[in-house]
């Protein structure tokens, strides 16, 4: 699977990297970094293209929130919790949350849509989003470029010893999910406590 993916990127190059970046996939960026390390891609161009892809993806989500309210309300019924958290974070932190949202697992598509629902300036969002996307691309691709040989060795070992790799990957994924689930739960609990205290103060 990994070898096939690398061959596809070698053949179609930056086009796949751009599309993969729209989908917010770090795996594509890591492969872009490895291929930059092996000389099949240019590191600066890979960062530039991946950043544009990430920017395009979030712009799409932003304008879905702004101009496709029916889709958002349907989405709200399924992910009401995440939209509530996105609203709290935006209200509390403002523009920095736009810059950081790519690193917030489970909220990466919800936050741009939530911002689109508000009156937040489209131009300001686009500027912050573009800078954030290029930083995200550089932060993800550059380490893969520097550690290319080591990453390839790990991938080769994992493909030969998949029975060890699968439990490790599953545990790592669960750890990430549980961490962000706990953070989300604490944010909502804190908001509920604030509302409860405000009601008591009014009484």
N, C-alpha and C. Protein backbone atom coordinates (compact mmCIF):
# COMPACT_ATOMS: atom_id res chain seq x y z
N UNK A 1 0.84 -1.21 0.00
CA UNK A 1 0.00 0.00 0.00
C UNK A 1 0.87 1.26 0.00
N UNK A 2 1.87 1.28 0.88
CA UNK A 2 2.76 2.44 0.95
C UNK A 2 3.56 2.59 -0.33
N UNK A 3 4.08 1.46 -0.88
CA UNK A 3 4.87 1.51 -2.11
C UNK A 3 4.01 2.02 -3.27
N UNK A 4 2.76 1.55 -3.33
CA UNK A 4 1.86 2.01 -4.39
C UNK A 4 1.63 3.50 -4.28
N UNK A 5 1.43 3.98 -3.05
CA UNK A 5 1.18 5.41 -2.83
C UNK A 5 2.39 6.24 -3.26
N UNK A 6 3.59 5.76 -2.92
CA UNK A 6 4.81 6.47 -3.31
C UNK A 6 4.95 6.51 -4.83
N UNK A 7 4.64 5.38 -5.49
CA UNK A 7 4.74 5.34 -6.95
C UNK A 7 3.75 6.30 -7.60
N UNK A 8 2.55 6.40 -7.04
CA UNK A 8 1.55 7.33 -7.58
C UNK A 8 2.03 8.77 -7.46
N UNK A 9 2.62 9.11 -6.31
CA UNK A 9 3.13 10.48 -6.13
C UNK A 9 4.30 10.74 -7.07
N UNK A 10 5.16 9.71 -7.28
CA UNK A 10 6.27 9.88 -8.21
C UNK A 10 5.75 10.18 -9.62
N UNK A 11 4.68 9.50 -10.00
CA UNK A 11 4.17 9.64 -11.36
C UNK A 11 3.37 10.92 -11.55
N UNK A 12 2.49 11.22 -10.58
CA UNK A 12 1.60 12.37 -10.74
C UNK A 12 2.03 13.57 -9.90
N UNK A 13 3.02 13.33 -9.04
CA UNK A 13 3.70 14.41 -8.34
C UNK A 13 2.83 15.36 -7.55
N UNK A 14 3.00 16.62 -7.89
CA UNK A 14 2.42 17.69 -7.09
C UNK A 14 0.90 17.74 -7.16
N UNK A 15 0.33 17.19 -8.24
CA UNK A 15 -1.13 17.17 -8.34
C UNK A 15 -1.76 16.35 -7.23
N UNK A 16 -1.21 15.15 -6.97
CA UNK A 16 -1.71 14.30 -5.88
C UNK A 16 -1.47 14.96 -4.54
N UNK A 17 -0.30 15.57 -4.38
CA UNK A 17 0.00 16.26 -3.11
C UNK A 17 -1.00 17.38 -2.85
N UNK A 18 -1.35 18.12 -3.89
CA UNK A 18 -2.33 19.20 -3.75
C UNK A 18 -3.69 18.66 -3.33
N UNK A 19 -4.17 17.63 -4.02
CA UNK A 19 -5.48 17.05 -3.71
C UNK A 19 -5.48 16.43 -2.32
N UNK A 20 -4.39 15.72 -1.99
CA UNK A 20 -4.30 15.09 -0.66
C UNK A 20 -4.32 16.14 0.44
N UNK A 21 -3.72 17.27 0.17
CA UNK A 21 -3.69 18.34 1.16
C UNK A 21 -5.06 18.97 1.34
N UNK A 22 -5.86 19.00 0.28
CA UNK A 22 -7.24 19.48 0.41
C UNK A 22 -8.00 18.60 1.40
N UNK A 23 -7.70 17.33 1.37
CA UNK A 23 -8.36 16.37 2.26
C UNK A 23 -7.76 16.37 3.67
N UNK A 24 -6.79 17.27 3.92
CA UNK A 24 -6.18 17.45 5.24
C UNK A 24 -5.39 16.22 5.69
N UNK A 25 -4.82 15.46 4.74
CA UNK A 25 -4.12 14.24 5.13
C UNK A 25 -2.63 14.46 5.35
N UNK A 26 -2.17 14.26 6.59
CA UNK A 26 -0.75 14.40 6.88
C UNK A 26 0.08 13.33 6.19
N UNK A 27 -0.52 12.17 5.92
CA UNK A 27 0.23 11.10 5.28
C UNK A 27 0.77 11.54 3.93
N UNK A 28 -0.05 12.25 3.16
CA UNK A 28 0.41 12.75 1.87
C UNK A 28 1.57 13.71 2.01
N UNK A 29 1.52 14.57 3.03
CA UNK A 29 2.61 15.53 3.26
C UNK A 29 3.89 14.82 3.69
N UNK A 30 3.74 13.79 4.53
CA UNK A 30 4.91 13.03 4.95
C UNK A 30 5.57 12.35 3.76
N UNK A 31 4.74 11.77 2.88
CA UNK A 31 5.28 11.16 1.68
C UNK A 31 5.95 12.20 0.79
N UNK A 32 5.35 13.40 0.74
CA UNK A 32 5.97 14.49 -0.02
C UNK A 32 7.34 14.85 0.54
N UNK A 33 7.46 14.83 1.87
CA UNK A 33 8.74 15.10 2.51
C UNK A 33 9.76 14.02 2.21
N UNK A 34 9.32 12.76 2.21
CA UNK A 34 10.22 11.65 1.91
C UNK A 34 10.71 11.74 0.47
N UNK A 35 9.78 12.04 -0.45
CA UNK A 35 10.15 12.14 -1.86
C UNK A 35 11.04 13.35 -2.13
N UNK A 36 10.88 14.40 -1.32
CA UNK A 36 11.80 15.53 -1.41
C UNK A 36 13.20 15.10 -0.94
N UNK A 37 13.21 14.26 0.08
CA UNK A 37 14.48 13.73 0.60
C UNK A 37 15.20 12.87 -0.44
N UNK A 38 14.43 12.07 -1.20
CA UNK A 38 15.03 11.18 -2.20
C UNK A 38 15.29 11.88 -3.53
N UNK A 39 14.88 13.15 -3.63
CA UNK A 39 15.14 13.91 -4.84
C UNK A 39 14.06 13.84 -5.89
N UNK A 40 12.92 13.19 -5.59
CA UNK A 40 11.83 13.10 -6.54
C UNK A 40 10.93 14.33 -6.54
N UNK A 41 11.07 15.16 -5.51
CA UNK A 41 10.32 16.41 -5.42
C UNK A 41 11.25 17.51 -4.91
N UNK A 42 10.84 18.74 -5.16
CA UNK A 42 11.55 19.90 -4.59
C UNK A 42 10.89 20.26 -3.27
N UNK A 43 11.68 20.39 -2.22
CA UNK A 43 11.13 20.69 -0.90
C UNK A 43 10.34 22.00 -0.88
N UNK A 44 10.88 23.12 -1.39
CA UNK A 44 10.10 24.38 -1.36
C UNK A 44 8.80 24.29 -2.15
N UNK A 45 8.85 23.62 -3.32
CA UNK A 45 7.63 23.51 -4.14
C UNK A 45 6.62 22.61 -3.46
N UNK A 46 7.10 21.52 -2.83
CA UNK A 46 6.19 20.61 -2.12
C UNK A 46 5.47 21.36 -0.99
N UNK A 47 6.20 22.18 -0.23
CA UNK A 47 5.59 22.95 0.86
C UNK A 47 4.58 23.95 0.28
N UNK A 48 4.96 24.62 -0.80
CA UNK A 48 4.09 25.61 -1.42
C UNK A 48 2.79 24.97 -1.91
N UNK A 49 2.91 23.84 -2.63
CA UNK A 49 1.74 23.16 -3.19
C UNK A 49 0.85 22.60 -2.08
N UNK A 50 1.46 21.96 -1.09
CA UNK A 50 0.68 21.39 0.02
C UNK A 50 -0.05 22.49 0.79
N UNK A 51 0.63 23.62 1.00
CA UNK A 51 -0.01 24.74 1.68
C UNK A 51 -1.22 25.26 0.92
N UNK A 52 -1.08 25.37 -0.41
CA UNK A 52 -2.22 25.81 -1.23
C UNK A 52 -3.37 24.82 -1.15
N UNK A 53 -3.04 23.52 -1.10
CA UNK A 53 -4.09 22.51 -0.98
C UNK A 53 -4.83 22.61 0.34
N UNK A 54 -4.06 22.75 1.44
CA UNK A 54 -4.70 22.91 2.74
C UNK A 54 -5.55 24.16 2.80
N UNK A 55 -5.04 25.25 2.22
CA UNK A 55 -5.79 26.51 2.16
C UNK A 55 -7.09 26.31 1.39
N UNK A 56 -7.03 25.66 0.24
CA UNK A 56 -8.22 25.44 -0.59
C UNK A 56 -9.27 24.63 0.14
N UNK A 57 -8.82 23.58 0.83
CA UNK A 57 -9.77 22.74 1.57
C UNK A 57 -10.55 23.52 2.61
N UNK A 58 -9.86 24.32 3.40
CA UNK A 58 -10.54 25.08 4.46
C UNK A 58 -11.40 26.21 3.90
N UNK A 59 -10.98 26.77 2.76
CA UNK A 59 -11.83 27.78 2.12
C UNK A 59 -13.15 27.16 1.67
N UNK A 60 -13.09 25.93 1.17
CA UNK A 60 -14.30 25.23 0.76
C UNK A 60 -15.23 25.04 1.95
N UNK A 61 -14.66 24.58 3.07
CA UNK A 61 -15.49 24.37 4.27
C UNK A 61 -16.07 25.69 4.78
N UNK A 62 -15.26 26.74 4.71
CA UNK A 62 -15.73 28.07 5.16
C UNK A 62 -16.94 28.51 4.34
N UNK A 63 -16.85 28.38 3.04
CA UNK A 63 -17.95 28.85 2.19
C UNK A 63 -19.15 27.90 2.18
N UNK A 64 -18.92 26.65 2.52
CA UNK A 64 -20.07 25.76 2.77
C UNK A 64 -20.87 26.30 3.95
N UNK A 65 -20.14 26.70 5.01
CA UNK A 65 -20.81 27.27 6.18
C UNK A 65 -21.52 28.57 5.86
N UNK A 66 -20.95 29.36 4.96
CA UNK A 66 -21.52 30.67 4.66
C UNK A 66 -22.71 30.60 3.71
N UNK A 67 -22.68 29.67 2.75
CA UNK A 67 -23.68 29.69 1.69
C UNK A 67 -24.52 28.42 1.56
N UNK A 68 -24.24 27.43 2.39
CA UNK A 68 -25.04 26.19 2.32
C UNK A 68 -25.55 25.83 3.70
N UNK A 69 -26.47 26.66 4.18
CA UNK A 69 -26.98 26.50 5.54
C UNK A 69 -27.71 25.17 5.73
N UNK A 70 -28.39 24.69 4.67
CA UNK A 70 -29.13 23.43 4.80
C UNK A 70 -28.18 22.28 5.14
N UNK A 71 -27.04 22.26 4.47
CA UNK A 71 -26.06 21.21 4.75
C UNK A 71 -25.55 21.32 6.18
N UNK A 72 -25.29 22.54 6.62
CA UNK A 72 -24.76 22.75 7.96
C UNK A 72 -25.76 22.32 9.02
N UNK A 73 -27.04 22.67 8.83
CA UNK A 73 -28.05 22.29 9.83
C UNK A 73 -28.21 20.77 9.89
N UNK A 74 -28.04 20.11 8.74
CA UNK A 74 -28.09 18.65 8.73
C UNK A 74 -26.87 18.09 9.47
N UNK A 75 -25.73 18.74 9.25
CA UNK A 75 -24.50 18.33 9.92
C UNK A 75 -24.58 18.58 11.42
N UNK A 76 -25.27 19.68 11.79
CA UNK A 76 -25.40 20.03 13.20
C UNK A 76 -26.10 18.93 13.99
N UNK A 77 -27.08 18.29 13.36
CA UNK A 77 -27.81 17.24 14.06
C UNK A 77 -26.90 16.06 14.41
N UNK A 78 -25.89 15.83 13.57
CA UNK A 78 -25.00 14.70 13.79
C UNK A 78 -23.79 15.07 14.65
N UNK A 79 -23.36 16.33 14.55
CA UNK A 79 -22.15 16.75 15.26
C UNK A 79 -22.39 18.01 16.09
N UNK A 80 -23.51 18.04 16.77
CA UNK A 80 -23.86 19.22 17.57
C UNK A 80 -22.77 19.53 18.60
N UNK A 81 -22.22 18.49 19.20
CA UNK A 81 -21.19 18.66 20.23
C UNK A 81 -19.97 19.39 19.67
N UNK A 82 -19.51 18.95 18.49
CA UNK A 82 -18.31 19.55 17.90
C UNK A 82 -18.56 20.98 17.46
N UNK A 83 -19.74 21.28 16.93
CA UNK A 83 -20.04 22.65 16.54
C UNK A 83 -20.10 23.56 17.77
N UNK A 84 -20.63 23.03 18.87
CA UNK A 84 -20.68 23.81 20.11
C UNK A 84 -19.27 24.13 20.60
N UNK A 85 -18.38 23.14 20.53
CA UNK A 85 -16.99 23.34 20.96
C UNK A 85 -16.30 24.35 20.05
N UNK A 86 -16.53 24.23 18.74
CA UNK A 86 -15.91 25.17 17.79
C UNK A 86 -16.36 26.60 18.07
N UNK A 87 -17.64 26.78 18.39
CA UNK A 87 -18.18 28.11 18.69
C UNK A 87 -17.53 28.67 19.97
N UNK A 88 -17.37 27.82 20.98
CA UNK A 88 -16.76 28.25 22.24
C UNK A 88 -15.31 28.67 22.00
N UNK A 89 -14.57 27.87 21.25
CA UNK A 89 -13.16 28.17 21.00
C UNK A 89 -12.99 29.46 20.21
N UNK A 90 -13.83 29.65 19.20
CA UNK A 90 -13.74 30.87 18.39
C UNK A 90 -14.07 32.10 19.23
N UNK A 91 -15.11 31.99 20.06
CA UNK A 91 -15.52 33.11 20.90
C UNK A 91 -14.44 33.45 21.93
N UNK A 92 -13.78 32.44 22.45
CA UNK A 92 -12.81 32.65 23.51
C UNK A 92 -11.44 33.09 22.98
N UNK A 93 -11.01 32.51 21.85
CA UNK A 93 -9.64 32.74 21.38
C UNK A 93 -9.54 33.60 20.12
N UNK A 94 -10.64 33.76 19.39
CA UNK A 94 -10.60 34.61 18.20
C UNK A 94 -9.75 34.04 17.08
N UNK A 95 -9.01 34.92 16.37
CA UNK A 95 -8.29 34.49 15.18
C UNK A 95 -7.23 33.41 15.43
N UNK A 96 -6.56 33.32 16.60
CA UNK A 96 -5.57 32.24 16.77
C UNK A 96 -6.15 30.85 16.57
N UNK A 97 -7.45 30.68 16.84
CA UNK A 97 -8.04 29.35 16.68
C UNK A 97 -8.10 28.98 15.20
N UNK A 98 -8.21 30.00 14.32
CA UNK A 98 -8.18 29.74 12.88
C UNK A 98 -6.80 29.23 12.50
N UNK A 99 -5.78 29.84 13.07
CA UNK A 99 -4.41 29.45 12.76
C UNK A 99 -4.10 28.04 13.27
N UNK A 100 -4.70 27.67 14.43
CA UNK A 100 -4.35 26.41 15.08
C UNK A 100 -5.29 25.26 14.74
N UNK A 101 -6.41 25.53 14.04
CA UNK A 101 -7.43 24.51 13.90
C UNK A 101 -6.96 23.25 13.17
N UNK A 102 -5.93 23.35 12.35
CA UNK A 102 -5.43 22.17 11.62
C UNK A 102 -4.86 21.11 12.56
N UNK A 103 -4.51 21.53 13.77
CA UNK A 103 -3.89 20.61 14.72
C UNK A 103 -4.90 20.08 15.74
N UNK A 104 -6.17 20.45 15.56
CA UNK A 104 -7.21 20.04 16.50
C UNK A 104 -7.97 18.86 15.90
N UNK A 105 -7.58 17.67 16.29
CA UNK A 105 -8.17 16.45 15.76
C UNK A 105 -9.68 16.43 16.03
N UNK A 106 -10.45 16.13 14.99
CA UNK A 106 -11.90 16.05 15.12
C UNK A 106 -12.62 17.36 14.89
N UNK A 107 -11.87 18.48 14.83
CA UNK A 107 -12.50 19.79 14.64
C UNK A 107 -12.01 20.50 13.39
N UNK A 108 -11.16 19.85 12.62
CA UNK A 108 -10.49 20.52 11.51
C UNK A 108 -11.44 20.96 10.41
N UNK A 109 -12.50 20.22 10.19
CA UNK A 109 -13.48 20.65 9.17
C UNK A 109 -14.61 21.45 9.80
N UNK A 110 -14.89 21.17 11.07
CA UNK A 110 -16.02 21.83 11.74
C UNK A 110 -15.73 23.31 12.00
N UNK A 111 -14.50 23.63 12.40
CA UNK A 111 -14.18 25.02 12.74
C UNK A 111 -14.35 25.97 11.54
N UNK A 112 -13.81 25.66 10.35
CA UNK A 112 -14.05 26.56 9.21
C UNK A 112 -15.54 26.72 8.88
N UNK A 113 -16.30 25.64 8.98
CA UNK A 113 -17.74 25.73 8.71
C UNK A 113 -18.43 26.60 9.76
N UNK A 114 -18.02 26.44 11.02
CA UNK A 114 -18.61 27.25 12.10
C UNK A 114 -18.32 28.73 11.90
N UNK A 115 -17.08 29.04 11.48
CA UNK A 115 -16.71 30.44 11.24
C UNK A 115 -17.51 30.98 10.07
N UNK A 116 -17.73 30.15 9.05
CA UNK A 116 -18.53 30.57 7.90
C UNK A 116 -19.95 30.94 8.28
N UNK A 117 -20.47 30.34 9.34
CA UNK A 117 -21.83 30.64 9.80
C UNK A 117 -21.93 32.03 10.44
N UNK A 118 -20.79 32.56 10.89
CA UNK A 118 -20.78 33.85 11.56
C UNK A 118 -20.57 34.98 10.54
N UNK A 119 -20.44 36.20 11.04
CA UNK A 119 -20.18 37.35 10.17
C UNK A 119 -18.69 37.64 10.05
N UNK A 120 -17.88 36.69 10.39
CA UNK A 120 -16.43 36.87 10.34
C UNK A 120 -16.00 37.21 8.91
N UNK A 121 -15.08 38.15 8.77
CA UNK A 121 -14.62 38.62 7.47
C UNK A 121 -14.02 37.48 6.65
N UNK A 122 -14.54 37.30 5.43
CA UNK A 122 -14.01 36.27 4.55
C UNK A 122 -12.57 36.54 4.15
N UNK A 123 -12.23 37.82 3.92
CA UNK A 123 -10.87 38.18 3.55
C UNK A 123 -9.88 37.91 4.67
N UNK A 124 -10.27 38.25 5.90
CA UNK A 124 -9.40 38.02 7.06
C UNK A 124 -9.20 36.53 7.29
N UNK A 125 -10.29 35.77 7.15
CA UNK A 125 -10.18 34.32 7.30
C UNK A 125 -9.23 33.74 6.26
N UNK A 126 -9.35 34.20 5.00
CA UNK A 126 -8.51 33.68 3.93
C UNK A 126 -7.03 33.96 4.19
N UNK A 127 -6.71 35.15 4.67
CA UNK A 127 -5.32 35.51 4.93
C UNK A 127 -4.73 34.64 6.04
N UNK A 128 -5.45 34.53 7.15
CA UNK A 128 -4.97 33.71 8.27
C UNK A 128 -4.88 32.25 7.84
N UNK A 129 -5.87 31.81 7.10
CA UNK A 129 -5.92 30.43 6.62
C UNK A 129 -4.73 30.11 5.73
N UNK A 130 -4.37 31.02 4.82
CA UNK A 130 -3.25 30.79 3.91
C UNK A 130 -1.93 30.69 4.67
N UNK A 131 -1.69 31.63 5.59
CA UNK A 131 -0.47 31.59 6.39
C UNK A 131 -0.41 30.31 7.23
N UNK A 132 -1.54 29.95 7.83
CA UNK A 132 -1.62 28.74 8.64
C UNK A 132 -1.32 27.50 7.81
N UNK A 133 -1.85 27.47 6.59
CA UNK A 133 -1.68 26.30 5.72
C UNK A 133 -0.22 26.11 5.33
N UNK A 134 0.48 27.21 5.04
CA UNK A 134 1.90 27.08 4.67
C UNK A 134 2.75 26.68 5.87
N UNK A 135 2.41 27.18 7.05
CA UNK A 135 3.13 26.76 8.26
C UNK A 135 2.89 25.27 8.51
N UNK A 136 1.63 24.86 8.39
CA UNK A 136 1.25 23.44 8.58
C UNK A 136 2.02 22.55 7.61
N UNK A 137 2.11 22.98 6.35
CA UNK A 137 2.83 22.19 5.35
C UNK A 137 4.31 22.11 5.68
N UNK A 138 4.90 23.23 6.07
CA UNK A 138 6.33 23.26 6.39
C UNK A 138 6.64 22.41 7.62
N UNK A 139 5.79 22.53 8.64
CA UNK A 139 5.99 21.79 9.89
C UNK A 139 5.86 20.29 9.68
N UNK A 140 5.03 19.88 8.73
CA UNK A 140 4.81 18.45 8.48
C UNK A 140 5.82 17.88 7.49
N UNK A 141 6.09 18.62 6.42
CA UNK A 141 6.95 18.10 5.36
C UNK A 141 8.43 18.14 5.73
N UNK A 142 8.87 19.21 6.37
CA UNK A 142 10.30 19.38 6.64
C UNK A 142 10.89 18.27 7.51
N UNK A 143 10.24 17.87 8.63
CA UNK A 143 10.81 16.76 9.41
C UNK A 143 10.90 15.46 8.60
N UNK A 144 9.88 15.23 7.73
CA UNK A 144 9.92 14.02 6.90
C UNK A 144 11.07 14.10 5.90
N UNK A 145 11.36 15.31 5.44
CA UNK A 145 12.49 15.52 4.52
C UNK A 145 13.82 15.24 5.24
N UNK A 146 13.93 15.73 6.46
CA UNK A 146 15.18 15.55 7.23
C UNK A 146 15.37 14.10 7.65
N UNK A 147 14.26 13.45 8.06
CA UNK A 147 14.34 12.08 8.59
C UNK A 147 13.92 11.04 7.56
N UNK A 148 14.04 11.36 6.29
CA UNK A 148 13.55 10.49 5.22
C UNK A 148 14.01 9.05 5.32
N UNK A 149 15.32 8.83 5.48
CA UNK A 149 15.85 7.46 5.54
C UNK A 149 15.30 6.69 6.73
N UNK A 150 15.23 7.36 7.87
CA UNK A 150 14.73 6.69 9.08
C UNK A 150 13.26 6.30 8.92
N UNK A 151 12.47 7.20 8.33
CA UNK A 151 11.05 6.91 8.13
C UNK A 151 10.88 5.73 7.17
N UNK A 152 11.67 5.70 6.11
CA UNK A 152 11.60 4.59 5.16
C UNK A 152 11.97 3.27 5.83
N UNK A 153 12.96 3.31 6.71
CA UNK A 153 13.34 2.09 7.44
C UNK A 153 12.22 1.60 8.35
N UNK A 154 11.57 2.57 9.02
CA UNK A 154 10.44 2.20 9.90
C UNK A 154 9.30 1.61 9.09
N UNK A 155 8.99 2.21 7.92
CA UNK A 155 7.93 1.70 7.07
C UNK A 155 8.25 0.30 6.56
N UNK A 156 9.50 0.08 6.20
CA UNK A 156 9.92 -1.24 5.73
C UNK A 156 9.78 -2.28 6.84
N UNK A 157 10.18 -1.89 8.05
CA UNK A 157 10.06 -2.81 9.20
C UNK A 157 8.59 -3.10 9.50
N UNK A 158 7.75 -2.05 9.43
CA UNK A 158 6.32 -2.22 9.73
C UNK A 158 5.65 -3.13 8.72
N UNK A 159 6.05 -3.02 7.44
CA UNK A 159 5.43 -3.87 6.42
C UNK A 159 5.83 -5.34 6.59
N UNK A 160 7.03 -5.58 7.13
CA UNK A 160 7.49 -6.95 7.36
C UNK A 160 7.00 -7.52 8.68
N UNK A 161 6.74 -6.64 9.64
CA UNK A 161 6.30 -7.07 10.97
C UNK A 161 4.98 -6.38 11.31
N UNK A 162 4.01 -6.57 10.45
CA UNK A 162 2.72 -5.87 10.60
C UNK A 162 2.01 -6.26 11.89
N UNK A 163 2.26 -7.46 12.40
CA UNK A 163 1.59 -7.92 13.61
C UNK A 163 2.04 -7.13 14.84
N UNK A 164 3.22 -6.49 14.75
CA UNK A 164 3.66 -5.57 15.80
C UNK A 164 3.16 -4.15 15.52
N UNK A 165 3.18 -3.79 14.24
CA UNK A 165 2.86 -2.42 13.85
C UNK A 165 1.39 -2.08 14.09
N UNK A 166 0.50 -3.01 13.78
CA UNK A 166 -0.94 -2.72 13.88
C UNK A 166 -1.35 -2.37 15.31
N UNK A 167 -0.96 -3.17 16.34
CA UNK A 167 -1.34 -2.78 17.72
C UNK A 167 -0.74 -1.44 18.15
N UNK A 168 0.49 -1.16 17.72
CA UNK A 168 1.13 0.11 18.09
C UNK A 168 0.38 1.28 17.47
N UNK A 169 0.05 1.16 16.18
CA UNK A 169 -0.69 2.22 15.49
C UNK A 169 -2.07 2.41 16.11
N UNK A 170 -2.74 1.29 16.42
CA UNK A 170 -4.07 1.36 17.02
C UNK A 170 -4.01 2.05 18.39
N UNK A 171 -3.00 1.70 19.19
CA UNK A 171 -2.85 2.32 20.51
C UNK A 171 -2.56 3.81 20.39
N UNK A 172 -1.72 4.17 19.41
CA UNK A 172 -1.38 5.57 19.18
C UNK A 172 -2.62 6.36 18.76
N UNK A 173 -3.41 5.79 17.83
CA UNK A 173 -4.62 6.45 17.35
C UNK A 173 -5.64 6.62 18.49
N UNK A 174 -5.77 5.57 19.31
CA UNK A 174 -6.69 5.66 20.44
C UNK A 174 -6.23 6.73 21.43
N UNK A 175 -4.92 6.81 21.65
CA UNK A 175 -4.39 7.83 22.55
C UNK A 175 -4.72 9.24 22.08
N UNK A 176 -4.56 9.48 20.77
CA UNK A 176 -4.88 10.80 20.21
C UNK A 176 -6.37 11.09 20.38
N UNK A 177 -7.20 10.09 20.02
CA UNK A 177 -8.66 10.28 20.12
C UNK A 177 -9.07 10.57 21.56
N UNK A 178 -8.55 9.79 22.50
CA UNK A 178 -8.95 9.95 23.90
C UNK A 178 -8.50 11.29 24.45
N UNK A 179 -7.31 11.74 24.06
CA UNK A 179 -6.81 13.04 24.53
C UNK A 179 -7.72 14.17 24.10
N UNK A 180 -8.07 14.20 22.80
CA UNK A 180 -8.92 15.28 22.32
C UNK A 180 -10.36 15.14 22.80
N UNK A 181 -10.81 13.89 22.99
CA UNK A 181 -12.15 13.68 23.56
C UNK A 181 -12.22 14.26 24.97
N UNK A 182 -11.17 14.04 25.76
CA UNK A 182 -11.12 14.56 27.13
C UNK A 182 -11.09 16.09 27.13
N UNK A 183 -10.31 16.67 26.20
CA UNK A 183 -10.25 18.13 26.10
C UNK A 183 -11.62 18.70 25.75
N UNK A 184 -12.29 18.09 24.77
CA UNK A 184 -13.62 18.55 24.37
C UNK A 184 -14.60 18.45 25.54
N UNK A 185 -14.53 17.35 26.26
CA UNK A 185 -15.43 17.14 27.40
C UNK A 185 -15.21 18.20 28.48
N UNK A 186 -13.95 18.53 28.73
CA UNK A 186 -13.63 19.55 29.73
C UNK A 186 -14.11 20.94 29.31
N UNK A 187 -13.99 21.24 28.01
CA UNK A 187 -14.46 22.53 27.50
C UNK A 187 -15.97 22.68 27.70
N UNK A 188 -16.71 21.62 27.36
CA UNK A 188 -18.17 21.68 27.52
C UNK A 188 -18.57 21.72 28.99
N UNK A 189 -17.86 20.98 29.84
CA UNK A 189 -18.18 20.98 31.27
C UNK A 189 -17.93 22.37 31.87
N UNK A 190 -16.83 22.99 31.44
CA UNK A 190 -16.52 24.33 31.94
C UNK A 190 -17.59 25.33 31.51
N UNK A 191 -18.03 25.22 30.25
CA UNK A 191 -19.07 26.14 29.78
C UNK A 191 -20.37 25.93 30.55
N UNK A 192 -20.74 24.66 30.78
CA UNK A 192 -21.97 24.37 31.52
C UNK A 192 -21.90 24.91 32.95
N UNK A 193 -20.72 24.79 33.57
CA UNK A 193 -20.54 25.32 34.92
C UNK A 193 -20.68 26.83 34.95
N UNK A 194 -20.14 27.50 33.91
CA UNK A 194 -20.25 28.96 33.82
C UNK A 194 -21.70 29.39 33.67
N UNK A 195 -22.45 28.67 32.82
CA UNK A 195 -23.87 28.98 32.65
C UNK A 195 -24.64 28.78 33.94
N UNK A 196 -24.29 27.70 34.66
CA UNK A 196 -24.98 27.41 35.91
C UNK A 196 -24.69 28.50 36.95
N UNK A 197 -23.45 28.95 37.01
CA UNK A 197 -23.08 29.99 37.96
C UNK A 197 -23.74 31.32 37.61
N UNK A 198 -23.83 31.61 36.31
CA UNK A 198 -24.48 32.85 35.87
C UNK A 198 -25.96 32.88 36.26
N UNK A 199 -26.61 31.71 36.10
CA UNK A 199 -28.03 31.62 36.48
C UNK A 199 -28.22 31.84 37.97
N UNK A 200 -27.30 31.24 38.76
CA UNK A 200 -27.39 31.40 40.21
C UNK A 200 -27.16 32.84 40.63
N UNK A 201 -26.24 33.52 39.94
CA UNK A 201 -25.96 34.92 40.25
C UNK A 201 -27.14 35.81 39.92
N UNK A 202 -27.85 35.47 38.84
CA UNK A 202 -29.03 36.26 38.45
C UNK A 202 -30.12 36.12 39.50
N UNK A 203 -30.26 34.90 40.03
CA UNK A 203 -31.27 34.68 41.06
C UNK A 203 -30.93 35.44 42.35
